[in-house]
Amino acid sequence: DIGSGYPSDVRSTTFLREWIRKNKKAPPIARKSWETTKKIIREELYSKKITDFV
């Protein structure tokens, strides 16, 4: 279930986050211009955690 597609929909953002984590890019159905998509891509693909360096 991918949810409604709205940023406030937890199912939608969870689907998007899991897809990006697995595929290293947004799904074809996602709006690349959507700020939530951009934010999740930044967090999942470009952010580093302190544990990444230890």
C-alpha atoms as a PDB file:
ATOM      1  CA  ASP A   1       0.000   0.000   0.000  1.00  0.00           C
ATOM      2  CA  ILE A   2       1.518   3.317  -1.048  1.00  0.00           C
ATOM      3  CA  GLY A   3      -1.011   5.547   0.699  1.00  0.00           C
ATOM      4  CA  SER A   4      -2.677   8.674  -0.640  1.00  0.00           C
ATOM      5  CA  GLY A   5       0.455  10.429  -1.866  1.00  0.00           C
ATOM      6  CA  TYR A   6       0.124  13.371   0.495  1.00  0.00           C
ATOM      7  CA  PRO A   7       3.122  14.403   2.636  1.00  0.00           C
ATOM      8  CA  SER A   8       1.044  14.093   5.802  1.00  0.00           C
ATOM      9  CA  ASP A   9       0.217  10.457   4.985  1.00  0.00           C
ATOM     10  CA  VAL A  10       2.587   8.240   6.965  1.00  0.00           C
ATOM     11  CA  ARG A  11       2.024   5.328   4.575  1.00  0.00           C
ATOM     12  CA  SER A  12       3.082   7.471   1.607  1.00  0.00           C
ATOM     13  CA  THR A  13       6.246   8.784   3.221  1.00  0.00           C
ATOM     14  CA  THR A  14       7.134   5.332   4.572  1.00  0.00           C
ATOM     15  CA  PHE A  15       6.706   3.811   1.107  1.00  0.00           C
ATOM     16  CA  LEU A  16       8.791   6.580  -0.444  1.00  0.00           C
ATOM     17  CA  ARG A  17      11.550   6.293   2.181  1.00  0.00           C
ATOM     18  CA  GLU A  18      11.768   2.485   1.852  1.00  0.00           C
ATOM     19  CA  TRP A  19      11.774   2.640  -1.972  1.00  0.00           C
ATOM     20  CA  ILE A  20      14.546   5.250  -2.028  1.00  0.00           C
ATOM     21  CA  ARG A  21      16.589   3.334   0.544  1.00  0.00           C
ATOM     22  CA  LYS A  22      16.332   0.150  -1.530  1.00  0.00           C
ATOM     23  CA  ASN A  23      16.598   1.573  -5.079  1.00  0.00           C
ATOM     24  CA  LYS A  24      18.777   4.665  -4.473  1.00  0.00           C
ATOM     25  CA  LYS A  25      16.315   6.851  -6.400  1.00  0.00           C
ATOM     26  CA  ALA A  26      12.692   7.967  -6.291  1.00  0.00           C
ATOM     27  CA  PRO A  27      10.054   5.661  -7.772  1.00  0.00           C
ATOM     28  CA  PRO A  28       8.697   6.553 -11.232  1.00  0.00           C
ATOM     29  CA  ILE A  29       5.334   7.532  -9.718  1.00  0.00           C
ATOM     30  CA  ALA A  30       6.861  10.058  -7.298  1.00  0.00           C
ATOM     31  CA  ARG A  31       6.929  13.758  -8.018  1.00  0.00           C
ATOM     32  CA  LYS A  32      10.605  14.657  -8.121  1.00  0.00           C
ATOM     33  CA  SER A  33       9.710  18.318  -7.519  1.00  0.00           C
ATOM     34  CA  TRP A  34       7.818  17.418  -4.326  1.00  0.00           C
ATOM     35  CA  GLU A  35       9.772  18.839  -1.366  1.00  0.00           C
ATOM     36  CA  THR A  36       9.106  15.672   0.641  1.00  0.00           C
ATOM     37  CA  THR A  37      10.742  13.569  -2.091  1.00  0.00           C
ATOM     38  CA  LYS A  38      13.769  15.869  -2.144  1.00  0.00           C
ATOM     39  CA  LYS A  39      14.024  15.785   1.658  1.00  0.00           C
ATOM     40  CA  ILE A  40      13.841  11.990   1.860  1.00  0.00           C
ATOM     41  CA  ILE A  41      16.444  11.621  -0.905  1.00  0.00           C
ATOM     42  CA  ARG A  42      18.776  13.960   0.997  1.00  0.00           C
ATOM     43  CA  GLU A  43      18.230  12.088   4.253  1.00  0.00           C
ATOM     44  CA  GLU A  44      18.515   8.577   2.832  1.00  0.00           C
ATOM     45  CA  LEU A  45      21.225   9.013   0.218  1.00  0.00           C
ATOM     46  CA  TYR A  46      23.377  11.935   1.281  1.00  0.00           C
ATOM     47  CA  SER A  47      23.169  12.206   5.066  1.00  0.00           C
ATOM     48  CA  LYS A  48      25.766  10.474   7.196  1.00  0.00           C
ATOM     49  CA  LYS A  49      25.306   9.264  10.741  1.00  0.00           C
ATOM     50  CA  ILE A  50      28.057   9.416  13.341  1.00  0.00           C
ATOM     51  CA  THR A  51      28.111   5.605  13.340  1.00  0.00           C
ATOM     52  CA  ASP A  52      29.146   5.681   9.661  1.00  0.00           C
ATOM     53  CA  PHE A  53      32.505   7.069  10.776  1.00  0.00           C
ATOM     54  CA  VAL A  54      33.206   4.912  13.830  1.00  0.00           C
END
